[in-house]
């Protein structure tokens, strides 16, 4: 009987030891699994840190370009058009203030005549450069009150006014020997139209 009890006790003891060992093995597996997860997480963290470092390095390598590199140059098609229009208006104003108050036998060599002639020539150049550089900016379908259309029409009208003033003065000078005051009204009209044309786009 003692032998049976001893064998039974040994069997129970062996069963307890094997059960605890099995439980411990499962715990080890769980711990290892947790360790695997931790290793995976830590490796992904390392990868994220490496990517962040690369992106920071790439961002730091972008050259520092000064704002002056994007400034519009002085000489452009639009600027040439603008300068020609302003010069035409200035020459028209100079012609107006240098008009002789009495008969001038050397009128064709005077500052008044040369400034008046330059005004319509510069105006014609301004119209030509405006048509070249802004051809797509104005449409008759938009109506005459459209800003771009008004600018183009008034600039053309100002140039024509300057030209008519000079041509009529020269014709009268050649026919009669001196121009009448009628050409002045055409020059004033040209100057006013040119001033408005510039004012609409200033």
N, C-alpha and C. Protein backbone atom coordinates (compact mmCIF):
# COMPACT_ATOMS: atom_id res chain seq x y z
N UNK A 1 0.84 -1.20 0.00
CA UNK A 1 0.00 0.00 0.00
C UNK A 1 0.87 1.24 0.00
N UNK A 2 1.96 1.15 0.79
CA UNK A 2 2.86 2.31 0.81
C UNK A 2 3.48 2.52 -0.56
N UNK A 3 3.76 1.43 -1.21
CA UNK A 3 4.39 1.53 -2.53
C UNK A 3 3.44 2.19 -3.51
N UNK A 4 2.17 1.84 -3.45
CA UNK A 4 1.18 2.44 -4.34
C UNK A 4 1.03 3.92 -4.04
N UNK A 5 0.98 4.27 -2.76
CA UNK A 5 0.83 5.67 -2.37
C UNK A 5 2.05 6.45 -2.82
N UNK A 6 3.25 5.78 -2.64
CA UNK A 6 4.46 6.48 -3.05
C UNK A 6 4.46 6.72 -4.56
N UNK A 7 4.04 5.72 -5.35
CA UNK A 7 3.99 5.86 -6.80
C UNK A 7 2.97 6.93 -7.21
N UNK A 8 1.87 6.93 -6.50
CA UNK A 8 0.84 7.93 -6.80
C UNK A 8 1.35 9.34 -6.49
N UNK A 9 2.05 9.45 -5.37
CA UNK A 9 2.58 10.75 -5.00
C UNK A 9 3.62 11.20 -6.00
N UNK A 10 4.44 10.26 -6.47
CA UNK A 10 5.46 10.58 -7.47
C UNK A 10 4.80 11.01 -8.78
N UNK A 11 3.73 10.30 -9.11
CA UNK A 11 3.02 10.64 -10.35
C UNK A 11 2.38 12.01 -10.26
N UNK A 12 1.78 12.30 -9.11
CA UNK A 12 1.17 13.62 -8.92
C UNK A 12 2.24 14.69 -8.94
N UNK A 13 3.37 14.41 -8.31
CA UNK A 13 4.46 15.38 -8.28
C UNK A 13 5.00 15.63 -9.70
N UNK A 14 5.18 14.56 -10.45
CA UNK A 14 5.68 14.69 -11.82
C UNK A 14 4.69 15.48 -12.68
N UNK A 15 3.41 15.20 -12.44
CA UNK A 15 2.36 15.92 -13.19
C UNK A 15 2.38 17.40 -12.84
N UNK A 16 2.58 17.72 -11.57
CA UNK A 16 2.63 19.13 -11.16
C UNK A 16 3.85 19.83 -11.76
N UNK A 17 4.98 19.12 -11.74
CA UNK A 17 6.20 19.72 -12.28
C UNK A 17 6.06 19.96 -13.78
N UNK A 18 5.52 18.96 -14.48
CA UNK A 18 5.36 19.12 -15.94
C UNK A 18 4.36 20.22 -16.28
N UNK A 19 3.29 20.34 -15.47
CA UNK A 19 2.29 21.40 -15.70
C UNK A 19 2.89 22.76 -15.48
N UNK A 20 3.69 22.89 -14.38
CA UNK A 20 4.32 24.19 -14.13
C UNK A 20 5.35 24.51 -15.20
N UNK A 21 6.06 23.47 -15.67
CA UNK A 21 7.03 23.70 -16.73
C UNK A 21 6.34 24.10 -18.02
N UNK A 22 5.19 23.47 -18.28
CA UNK A 22 4.43 23.82 -19.48
C UNK A 22 3.90 25.24 -19.39
N UNK A 23 3.41 25.59 -18.20
CA UNK A 23 2.93 26.96 -18.01
C UNK A 23 4.07 27.96 -18.14
N UNK A 24 5.22 27.57 -17.59
CA UNK A 24 6.37 28.47 -17.69
C UNK A 24 6.82 28.61 -19.15
N UNK A 25 6.74 27.50 -19.87
CA UNK A 25 7.08 27.57 -21.30
C UNK A 25 6.16 28.48 -22.06
N UNK A 26 4.85 28.44 -21.75
CA UNK A 26 3.89 29.34 -22.40
C UNK A 26 4.18 30.79 -22.05
N UNK A 27 4.56 30.98 -20.74
CA UNK A 27 4.89 32.34 -20.35
C UNK A 27 6.12 32.83 -21.10
N UNK A 28 7.09 31.92 -21.27
CA UNK A 28 8.29 32.31 -22.01
C UNK A 28 7.93 32.68 -23.44
N UNK A 29 7.01 31.87 -24.01
CA UNK A 29 6.58 32.18 -25.38
C UNK A 29 5.91 33.54 -25.46
N UNK A 30 5.08 33.82 -24.47
CA UNK A 30 4.40 35.11 -24.45
C UNK A 30 5.43 36.23 -24.31
N UNK A 31 6.39 36.03 -23.45
CA UNK A 31 7.43 37.04 -23.26
C UNK A 31 8.23 37.24 -24.54
N UNK A 32 8.57 36.10 -25.17
CA UNK A 32 9.31 36.21 -26.43
C UNK A 32 8.49 36.92 -27.49
N UNK A 33 7.19 36.60 -27.51
CA UNK A 33 6.32 37.27 -28.48
C UNK A 33 6.27 38.75 -28.22
N UNK A 34 6.18 39.10 -26.93
CA UNK A 34 6.20 40.51 -26.59
C UNK A 34 7.53 41.14 -26.98
N UNK A 35 8.60 40.40 -26.75
CA UNK A 35 9.90 40.92 -27.14
C UNK A 35 9.99 41.13 -28.65
N UNK A 36 9.39 40.20 -29.41
CA UNK A 36 9.39 40.35 -30.86
C UNK A 36 8.66 41.61 -31.27
N UNK A 37 7.51 41.83 -30.62
CA UNK A 37 6.75 43.04 -30.93
C UNK A 37 7.56 44.28 -30.59
N UNK A 38 8.21 44.22 -29.44
CA UNK A 38 9.01 45.37 -29.05
C UNK A 38 10.16 45.60 -30.02
N UNK A 39 10.74 44.53 -30.48
CA UNK A 39 11.84 44.67 -31.44
C UNK A 39 11.32 45.26 -32.74
N UNK A 40 10.14 44.79 -33.20
CA UNK A 40 9.56 45.32 -34.43
C UNK A 40 9.26 46.81 -34.29
N UNK A 41 8.69 47.16 -33.14
CA UNK A 41 8.37 48.56 -32.92
C UNK A 41 9.63 49.41 -32.86
N UNK A 42 10.62 48.90 -32.16
CA UNK A 42 11.83 49.70 -32.04
C UNK A 42 12.52 49.84 -33.39
N UNK A 43 12.46 48.80 -34.24
CA UNK A 43 13.08 48.92 -35.55
C UNK A 43 12.32 49.91 -36.42
N UNK A 44 10.97 49.93 -36.32
CA UNK A 44 10.21 50.90 -37.10
C UNK A 44 10.48 52.32 -36.60
N UNK A 45 10.65 52.42 -35.28
CA UNK A 45 11.00 53.74 -34.76
C UNK A 45 12.34 54.21 -35.31
N UNK A 46 13.27 53.25 -35.41
CA UNK A 46 14.58 53.61 -35.97
C UNK A 46 14.45 54.03 -37.42
N UNK A 47 13.61 53.31 -38.19
CA UNK A 47 13.40 53.67 -39.59
C UNK A 47 12.75 55.04 -39.71
N UNK A 48 11.75 55.32 -38.87
CA UNK A 48 11.12 56.63 -38.89
C UNK A 48 12.12 57.73 -38.55
N UNK A 49 12.95 57.47 -37.56
CA UNK A 49 13.95 58.46 -37.18
C UNK A 49 14.94 58.69 -38.31
N UNK A 50 15.31 57.60 -39.01
CA UNK A 50 16.24 57.75 -40.13
C UNK A 50 15.61 58.54 -41.26
N UNK A 51 14.31 58.27 -41.56
CA UNK A 51 13.62 59.03 -42.62
C UNK A 51 13.50 60.50 -42.25
N UNK A 52 13.19 60.77 -40.98
CA UNK A 52 13.10 62.16 -40.53
C UNK A 52 14.44 62.86 -40.67
N UNK A 53 15.51 62.16 -40.34
CA UNK A 53 16.84 62.76 -40.47
C UNK A 53 17.15 63.05 -41.92
N UNK A 54 16.77 62.10 -42.82
CA UNK A 54 17.01 62.33 -44.25
C UNK A 54 16.22 63.52 -44.75
N UNK A 55 14.91 63.59 -44.35
CA UNK A 55 14.09 64.71 -44.82
C UNK A 55 14.61 66.03 -44.30
N UNK A 56 15.09 66.04 -43.04
CA UNK A 56 15.67 67.27 -42.51
C UNK A 56 16.92 67.66 -43.27
N UNK A 57 17.72 66.66 -43.63
CA UNK A 57 18.93 66.95 -44.40
C UNK A 57 18.57 67.50 -45.77
N UNK A 58 17.55 66.91 -46.40
CA UNK A 58 17.14 67.37 -47.72
C UNK A 58 16.59 68.78 -47.65
N UNK A 59 15.83 69.08 -46.59
CA UNK A 59 15.26 70.41 -46.45
C UNK A 59 16.36 71.45 -46.22
N UNK A 60 17.37 71.04 -45.48
CA UNK A 60 18.45 71.98 -45.18
C UNK A 60 19.33 72.25 -46.40
N UNK A 61 19.30 71.32 -47.39
CA UNK A 61 20.16 71.49 -48.55
C UNK A 61 19.55 72.38 -49.63
N UNK A 62 18.29 72.84 -49.46
CA UNK A 62 17.67 73.73 -50.44
C UNK A 62 18.39 75.07 -50.43
N UNK A 63 18.82 75.57 -51.59
CA UNK A 63 19.57 76.83 -51.61
C UNK A 63 18.70 78.01 -51.21
N UNK A 64 19.30 78.96 -50.56
CA UNK A 64 18.59 80.18 -50.14
C UNK A 64 18.66 81.20 -51.28
N UNK A 65 17.56 81.30 -52.05
CA UNK A 65 17.53 82.19 -53.21
C UNK A 65 16.97 83.54 -52.76
N UNK A 66 17.67 84.63 -52.99
CA UNK A 66 17.18 85.95 -52.56
C UNK A 66 15.97 86.38 -53.38
N UNK A 67 15.13 87.22 -52.79
CA UNK A 67 13.93 87.71 -53.48
C UNK A 67 14.28 88.52 -54.73
N UNK A 68 15.46 89.12 -54.74
CA UNK A 68 15.84 89.95 -55.89
C UNK A 68 15.95 89.12 -57.17
N UNK A 69 16.12 87.80 -57.03
CA UNK A 69 16.23 86.95 -58.22
C UNK A 69 14.91 86.89 -58.97
N UNK A 70 13.78 87.20 -58.28
CA UNK A 70 12.47 87.13 -58.91
C UNK A 70 11.93 88.51 -59.29
N UNK A 71 12.73 89.55 -59.11
CA UNK A 71 12.29 90.90 -59.49
C UNK A 71 12.22 91.01 -61.01
N UNK A 72 11.23 91.79 -61.48
CA UNK A 72 11.08 91.99 -62.92
C UNK A 72 12.23 92.84 -63.44
N UNK A 73 12.82 92.44 -64.55
CA UNK A 73 13.92 93.25 -65.10
C UNK A 73 13.42 94.60 -65.59
N UNK A 74 14.37 95.55 -65.72
CA UNK A 74 14.01 96.90 -66.16
C UNK A 74 13.52 96.92 -67.60
N UNK A 75 14.16 96.14 -68.45
CA UNK A 75 13.83 96.16 -69.87
C UNK A 75 12.95 94.97 -70.21
N UNK A 76 11.68 95.23 -70.41
CA UNK A 76 10.73 94.22 -70.89
C UNK A 76 9.89 94.86 -71.99
N UNK A 77 9.14 94.04 -72.71
CA UNK A 77 8.28 94.58 -73.77
C UNK A 77 7.28 95.57 -73.19
N UNK A 78 6.71 95.24 -72.05
CA UNK A 78 5.71 96.12 -71.44
C UNK A 78 6.35 97.43 -70.97
N UNK A 79 7.57 97.33 -70.39
CA UNK A 79 8.24 98.55 -69.92
C UNK A 79 8.62 99.46 -71.08
N UNK A 80 9.08 98.88 -72.19
CA UNK A 80 9.40 99.69 -73.36
C UNK A 80 8.16 100.42 -73.86
N UNK A 81 7.03 99.71 -73.91
CA UNK A 81 5.76 100.32 -74.31
C UNK A 81 5.39 101.48 -73.37
N UNK A 82 5.56 101.25 -72.07
CA UNK A 82 5.22 102.28 -71.08
C UNK A 82 6.13 103.50 -71.22
N UNK A 83 7.44 103.27 -71.36
CA UNK A 83 8.38 104.38 -71.48
C UNK A 83 8.12 105.20 -72.74
N UNK A 84 7.79 104.53 -73.83
CA UNK A 84 7.50 105.25 -75.07
C UNK A 84 6.24 106.11 -74.93
N UNK A 85 5.22 105.58 -74.27
CA UNK A 85 3.99 106.36 -74.05
C UNK A 85 4.24 107.57 -73.18
N UNK A 86 5.02 107.38 -72.11
CA UNK A 86 5.34 108.51 -71.23
C UNK A 86 6.20 109.55 -71.95
N UNK A 87 7.14 109.09 -72.76
CA UNK A 87 7.98 110.02 -73.52
C UNK A 87 7.16 110.80 -74.53
N UNK A 88 6.17 110.14 -75.15
CA UNK A 88 5.29 110.82 -76.10
C UNK A 88 4.49 111.93 -75.41
N UNK A 89 3.96 111.60 -74.22
CA UNK A 89 3.22 112.60 -73.46
C UNK A 89 4.12 113.76 -73.04
N UNK A 90 5.36 113.45 -72.63
CA UNK A 90 6.30 114.49 -72.22
C UNK A 90 6.66 115.42 -73.38
N UNK A 91 6.88 114.83 -74.56
CA UNK A 91 7.20 115.65 -75.73
C UNK A 91 6.02 116.51 -76.16
N UNK A 92 4.82 115.97 -76.02
CA UNK A 92 3.63 116.77 -76.31
C UNK A 92 3.51 117.95 -75.37
N UNK A 93 3.79 117.71 -74.07
CA UNK A 93 3.77 118.81 -73.11
C UNK A 93 4.84 119.84 -73.39
N UNK A 94 6.04 119.37 -73.79
CA UNK A 94 7.11 120.30 -74.13
C UNK A 94 6.76 121.13 -75.36
N UNK A 95 6.11 120.51 -76.33
CA UNK A 95 5.68 121.26 -77.52
C UNK A 95 4.67 122.34 -77.14
N UNK A 96 3.80 122.00 -76.19
CA UNK A 96 2.78 122.97 -75.78
C UNK A 96 3.37 124.17 -75.08
N UNK A 97 4.35 123.96 -74.21
CA UNK A 97 4.89 125.10 -73.44
C UNK A 97 5.93 125.90 -74.23
N UNK A 98 6.42 125.33 -75.34
CA UNK A 98 7.40 126.07 -76.15
C UNK A 98 6.79 126.67 -77.42
N UNK A 99 5.45 126.67 -77.49
CA UNK A 99 4.79 127.23 -78.68
C UNK A 99 5.11 128.72 -78.79
N UNK A 100 5.52 129.19 -79.96
CA UNK A 100 5.86 130.62 -80.11
C UNK A 100 4.60 131.49 -80.03
N UNK A 101 4.75 132.65 -79.41
CA UNK A 101 3.60 133.55 -79.27
C UNK A 101 3.42 134.41 -80.52
N UNK A 102 4.42 134.46 -81.36
CA UNK A 102 4.32 135.27 -82.58
C UNK A 102 4.97 134.51 -83.74
N UNK A 103 5.02 135.12 -84.85
CA UNK A 103 5.56 134.49 -86.06
C UNK A 103 7.03 134.12 -85.85
N UNK A 104 7.36 132.88 -86.23
CA UNK A 104 8.73 132.40 -86.11
C UNK A 104 9.20 131.95 -87.50
N UNK A 105 10.10 132.68 -88.13
CA UNK A 105 10.53 132.31 -89.49
C UNK A 105 11.31 131.00 -89.54
N UNK A 106 11.87 130.60 -88.42
CA UNK A 106 12.65 129.36 -88.37
C UNK A 106 11.90 128.30 -87.55
N UNK A 107 10.60 128.20 -87.80
CA UNK A 107 9.75 127.33 -86.99
C UNK A 107 10.17 125.87 -87.08
N UNK A 108 10.58 125.39 -88.26
CA UNK A 108 10.89 123.98 -88.43
C UNK A 108 12.18 123.55 -87.73
N UNK A 109 12.94 124.52 -87.24
CA UNK A 109 14.14 124.22 -86.46
C UNK A 109 13.97 124.54 -84.97
N UNK A 110 12.75 124.89 -84.59
CA UNK A 110 12.51 125.29 -83.19
C UNK A 110 12.30 124.06 -82.30
N UNK A 111 12.44 124.27 -80.99
CA UNK A 111 12.17 123.21 -80.01
C UNK A 111 10.71 122.79 -80.08
N UNK A 112 9.83 123.75 -80.32
CA UNK A 112 8.40 123.47 -80.40
C UNK A 112 8.11 122.45 -81.50
N UNK A 113 8.63 122.69 -82.68
CA UNK A 113 8.36 121.78 -83.79
C UNK A 113 9.00 120.40 -83.57
N UNK A 114 10.24 120.39 -83.10
CA UNK A 114 10.93 119.12 -82.90
C UNK A 114 10.27 118.29 -81.80
N UNK A 115 9.81 118.95 -80.74
CA UNK A 115 9.11 118.23 -79.68
C UNK A 115 7.77 117.71 -80.16
N UNK A 116 7.05 118.52 -80.98
CA UNK A 116 5.76 118.09 -81.51
C UNK A 116 5.94 116.89 -82.44
N UNK A 117 6.96 116.94 -83.27
CA UNK A 117 7.24 115.83 -84.18
C UNK A 117 7.61 114.56 -83.41
N UNK A 118 8.44 114.74 -82.37
CA UNK A 118 8.84 113.59 -81.55
C UNK A 118 7.64 113.00 -80.81
N UNK A 119 6.67 113.84 -80.46
CA UNK A 119 5.52 113.34 -79.70
C UNK A 119 4.71 112.33 -80.51
N UNK A 120 4.45 112.62 -81.80
CA UNK A 120 3.65 111.66 -82.55
C UNK A 120 4.49 110.45 -82.97
N UNK A 121 5.79 110.63 -83.18
CA UNK A 121 6.64 109.49 -83.52
C UNK A 121 6.79 108.52 -82.33
N UNK A 122 7.00 109.09 -81.15
CA UNK A 122 7.06 108.25 -79.95
C UNK A 122 5.71 107.60 -79.65
N UNK A 123 4.63 108.37 -79.92
CA UNK A 123 3.29 107.80 -79.73
C UNK A 123 3.04 106.64 -80.67
N UNK A 124 3.48 106.76 -81.93
CA UNK A 124 3.32 105.66 -82.89
C UNK A 124 4.12 104.44 -82.44
N UNK A 125 5.32 104.67 -81.92
CA UNK A 125 6.12 103.56 -81.41
C UNK A 125 5.46 102.91 -80.20
N UNK A 126 4.84 103.73 -79.34
CA UNK A 126 4.14 103.18 -78.18
C UNK A 126 2.95 102.34 -78.60
N UNK A 127 2.21 102.80 -79.60
CA UNK A 127 1.06 102.03 -80.11
C UNK A 127 1.55 100.71 -80.71
N UNK A 128 2.62 100.77 -81.49
CA UNK A 128 3.14 99.55 -82.12
C UNK A 128 3.61 98.52 -81.09
N UNK A 129 4.36 98.98 -80.08
CA UNK A 129 4.84 98.04 -79.05
C UNK A 129 3.69 97.55 -78.18
N UNK A 130 2.67 98.41 -77.99
CA UNK A 130 1.50 97.97 -77.22
C UNK A 130 0.72 96.88 -77.95
N UNK A 131 0.55 97.04 -79.26
CA UNK A 131 -0.13 96.01 -80.04
C UNK A 131 0.67 94.71 -80.04
N UNK A 132 1.98 94.83 -80.08
CA UNK A 132 2.83 93.63 -80.11
C UNK A 132 2.80 92.88 -78.77
N UNK A 133 2.91 93.61 -77.67
CA UNK A 133 3.03 92.95 -76.37
C UNK A 133 1.69 92.69 -75.68
N UNK A 134 0.63 93.38 -76.10
CA UNK A 134 -0.68 93.23 -75.42
C UNK A 134 -1.80 92.87 -76.39
N UNK A 135 -1.45 92.20 -77.47
CA UNK A 135 -2.47 91.87 -78.48
C UNK A 135 -3.61 91.04 -77.89
N UNK A 136 -3.31 90.18 -76.93
CA UNK A 136 -4.33 89.29 -76.35
C UNK A 136 -5.08 89.92 -75.18
N UNK A 137 -4.80 91.18 -74.88
CA UNK A 137 -5.43 91.81 -73.71
C UNK A 137 -6.70 92.58 -74.03
N UNK A 138 -6.94 92.91 -75.28
CA UNK A 138 -8.14 93.68 -75.58
C UNK A 138 -8.95 93.00 -76.68
N UNK A 139 -10.27 93.07 -76.51
CA UNK A 139 -11.22 92.46 -77.44
C UNK A 139 -12.36 93.45 -77.67
N UNK A 140 -12.72 93.64 -78.90
CA UNK A 140 -13.83 94.54 -79.23
C UNK A 140 -15.13 94.02 -78.63
N UNK A 141 -15.25 92.69 -78.48
CA UNK A 141 -16.47 92.10 -77.91
C UNK A 141 -16.72 92.56 -76.48
N UNK A 142 -15.65 92.97 -75.77
CA UNK A 142 -15.81 93.43 -74.38
C UNK A 142 -16.39 94.84 -74.29
N UNK A 143 -16.52 95.52 -75.43
CA UNK A 143 -17.09 96.87 -75.43
C UNK A 143 -16.04 97.95 -75.32
N UNK A 144 -16.42 99.15 -75.72
CA UNK A 144 -15.47 100.27 -75.72
C UNK A 144 -15.11 100.74 -74.33
N UNK A 145 -15.95 100.43 -73.34
CA UNK A 145 -15.68 100.88 -71.98
C UNK A 145 -14.77 99.94 -71.21
N UNK A 146 -14.37 98.84 -71.83
CA UNK A 146 -13.39 97.96 -71.19
C UNK A 146 -12.07 98.72 -71.03
N UNK A 147 -11.41 98.53 -69.91
CA UNK A 147 -10.21 99.32 -69.60
C UNK A 147 -9.11 99.15 -70.65
N UNK A 148 -8.85 97.90 -71.04
CA UNK A 148 -7.80 97.66 -72.03
C UNK A 148 -8.16 98.24 -73.39
N UNK A 149 -9.45 98.13 -73.76
CA UNK A 149 -9.89 98.70 -75.04
C UNK A 149 -9.77 100.22 -75.03
N UNK A 150 -10.18 100.83 -73.91
CA UNK A 150 -10.06 102.29 -73.80
C UNK A 150 -8.61 102.74 -73.87
N UNK A 151 -7.73 102.01 -73.22
CA UNK A 151 -6.31 102.35 -73.24
C UNK A 151 -5.78 102.34 -74.68
N UNK A 152 -6.11 101.28 -75.41
CA UNK A 152 -5.60 101.16 -76.78
C UNK A 152 -6.19 102.25 -77.68
N UNK A 153 -7.50 102.48 -77.58
CA UNK A 153 -8.15 103.47 -78.46
C UNK A 153 -7.70 104.89 -78.14
N UNK A 154 -7.57 105.21 -76.86
CA UNK A 154 -7.14 106.56 -76.48
C UNK A 154 -5.67 106.80 -76.85
N UNK A 155 -4.83 105.77 -76.69
CA UNK A 155 -3.44 105.92 -77.11
C UNK A 155 -3.32 106.15 -78.61
N UNK A 156 -4.13 105.43 -79.38
CA UNK A 156 -4.15 105.63 -80.83
C UNK A 156 -4.68 107.02 -81.18
N UNK A 157 -5.76 107.43 -80.49
CA UNK A 157 -6.34 108.76 -80.75
C UNK A 157 -5.35 109.87 -80.39
N UNK A 158 -4.60 109.70 -79.28
CA UNK A 158 -3.61 110.70 -78.90
C UNK A 158 -2.51 110.83 -79.93
N UNK A 159 -2.06 109.69 -80.45
CA UNK A 159 -1.02 109.72 -81.49
C UNK A 159 -1.52 110.39 -82.76
N UNK A 160 -2.76 110.08 -83.14
CA UNK A 160 -3.34 110.70 -84.34
C UNK A 160 -3.50 112.21 -84.14
N UNK A 161 -3.91 112.61 -82.93
CA UNK A 161 -4.04 114.04 -82.64
C UNK A 161 -2.70 114.76 -82.75
N UNK A 162 -1.66 114.17 -82.19
CA UNK A 162 -0.31 114.76 -82.33
C UNK A 162 0.09 114.88 -83.80
N UNK A 163 -0.15 113.81 -84.55
CA UNK A 163 0.25 113.80 -85.96
C UNK A 163 -0.51 114.87 -86.76
N UNK A 164 -1.83 114.95 -86.54
CA UNK A 164 -2.62 115.94 -87.28
C UNK A 164 -2.19 117.37 -86.94
N UNK A 165 -1.83 117.60 -85.69
CA UNK A 165 -1.36 118.93 -85.30
C UNK A 165 -0.08 119.29 -86.04
N UNK A 166 0.85 118.37 -86.10
CA UNK A 166 2.13 118.64 -86.77
C UNK A 166 1.93 118.78 -88.28
N UNK A 167 1.18 117.86 -88.87
CA UNK A 167 1.02 117.89 -90.34
C UNK A 167 0.27 119.13 -90.80
N UNK A 168 -0.76 119.54 -90.08
CA UNK A 168 -1.51 120.74 -90.48
C UNK A 168 -0.65 122.00 -90.29
N UNK A 169 0.16 122.03 -89.23
CA UNK A 169 1.04 123.18 -89.00
C UNK A 169 2.09 123.28 -90.11
N UNK A 170 2.67 122.16 -90.49
CA UNK A 170 3.68 122.16 -91.56
C UNK A 170 3.05 122.56 -92.89
N UNK A 171 1.86 122.05 -93.16
CA UNK A 171 1.18 122.39 -94.42
C UNK A 171 0.91 123.90 -94.50
N UNK A 172 0.37 124.44 -93.42
CA UNK A 172 0.11 125.89 -93.40
C UNK A 172 1.41 126.70 -93.48
N UNK A 173 2.45 126.20 -92.83
CA UNK A 173 3.73 126.90 -92.88
C UNK A 173 4.28 126.93 -94.30
N UNK A 174 4.14 125.81 -95.00
CA UNK A 174 4.63 125.74 -96.38
C UNK A 174 3.75 126.54 -97.34
N UNK A 175 2.43 126.58 -97.08
CA UNK A 175 1.51 127.27 -97.99
C UNK A 175 1.50 128.78 -97.75
N UNK A 176 1.41 129.17 -96.47
CA UNK A 176 1.20 130.57 -96.13
C UNK A 176 2.47 131.22 -95.58
N UNK A 177 3.32 130.44 -94.97
CA UNK A 177 4.53 130.98 -94.37
C UNK A 177 4.48 130.95 -92.85
N UNK A 178 3.32 130.66 -92.31
CA UNK A 178 3.21 130.53 -90.85
C UNK A 178 1.94 129.70 -90.54
N UNK A 179 1.95 128.91 -89.48
CA UNK A 179 0.77 128.11 -89.14
C UNK A 179 -0.22 128.93 -88.33
N UNK A 180 -1.49 128.60 -88.52
CA UNK A 180 -2.53 129.24 -87.72
C UNK A 180 -2.63 128.53 -86.36
N UNK A 181 -3.49 129.06 -85.53
CA UNK A 181 -3.66 128.46 -84.21
C UNK A 181 -4.57 127.24 -84.21
N UNK A 182 -5.09 126.86 -85.39
CA UNK A 182 -6.01 125.71 -85.43
C UNK A 182 -5.31 124.41 -85.08
N UNK A 183 -4.03 124.30 -85.41
CA UNK A 183 -3.34 123.03 -85.14
C UNK A 183 -3.16 122.81 -83.64
N UNK A 184 -3.22 123.86 -82.86
CA UNK A 184 -3.03 123.73 -81.41
C UNK A 184 -4.15 122.89 -80.78
N UNK A 185 -5.39 123.06 -81.28
CA UNK A 185 -6.51 122.29 -80.71
C UNK A 185 -6.32 120.79 -80.96
N UNK A 186 -5.75 120.45 -82.12
CA UNK A 186 -5.49 119.04 -82.40
C UNK A 186 -4.40 118.50 -81.48
N UNK A 187 -3.38 119.31 -81.22
CA UNK A 187 -2.34 118.89 -80.30
C UNK A 187 -2.84 118.73 -78.88
N UNK A 188 -3.72 119.65 -78.46
CA UNK A 188 -4.30 119.55 -77.10
C UNK A 188 -5.16 118.30 -76.98
N UNK A 189 -5.94 118.02 -78.04
CA UNK A 189 -6.74 116.78 -78.04
C UNK A 189 -5.83 115.55 -77.93
N UNK A 190 -4.74 115.55 -78.70
CA UNK A 190 -3.80 114.42 -78.65
C UNK A 190 -3.20 114.24 -77.27
N UNK A 191 -2.81 115.35 -76.65
CA UNK A 191 -2.23 115.26 -75.31
C UNK A 191 -3.22 114.77 -74.28
N UNK A 192 -4.46 115.25 -74.36
CA UNK A 192 -5.49 114.79 -73.41
C UNK A 192 -5.79 113.31 -73.57
N UNK A 193 -5.91 112.87 -74.83
CA UNK A 193 -6.18 111.44 -75.07
C UNK A 193 -5.03 110.57 -74.59
N UNK A 194 -3.80 111.03 -74.82
CA UNK A 194 -2.64 110.24 -74.37
C UNK A 194 -2.57 110.20 -72.85
N UNK A 195 -2.89 111.31 -72.21
CA UNK A 195 -2.89 111.34 -70.73
C UNK A 195 -3.91 110.36 -70.16
N UNK A 196 -5.12 110.34 -70.75
CA UNK A 196 -6.15 109.41 -70.29
C UNK A 196 -5.75 107.96 -70.54
N UNK A 197 -5.14 107.72 -71.71
CA UNK A 197 -4.72 106.36 -72.01
C UNK A 197 -3.73 105.83 -71.00
N UNK A 198 -2.78 106.68 -70.61
CA UNK A 198 -1.81 106.27 -69.60
C UNK A 198 -2.46 106.14 -68.23
N UNK A 199 -3.36 107.06 -67.92
CA UNK A 199 -4.03 107.03 -66.62
C UNK A 199 -4.86 105.79 -66.39
N UNK A 200 -5.44 105.21 -67.43
CA UNK A 200 -6.28 104.03 -67.27
C UNK A 200 -5.49 102.80 -66.85
N UNK A 201 -4.22 102.77 -67.14
CA UNK A 201 -3.43 101.57 -66.82
C UNK A 201 -2.30 101.88 -65.85
N UNK A 202 -2.25 103.03 -65.26
CA UNK A 202 -1.16 103.38 -64.35
C UNK A 202 -1.26 102.60 -63.05
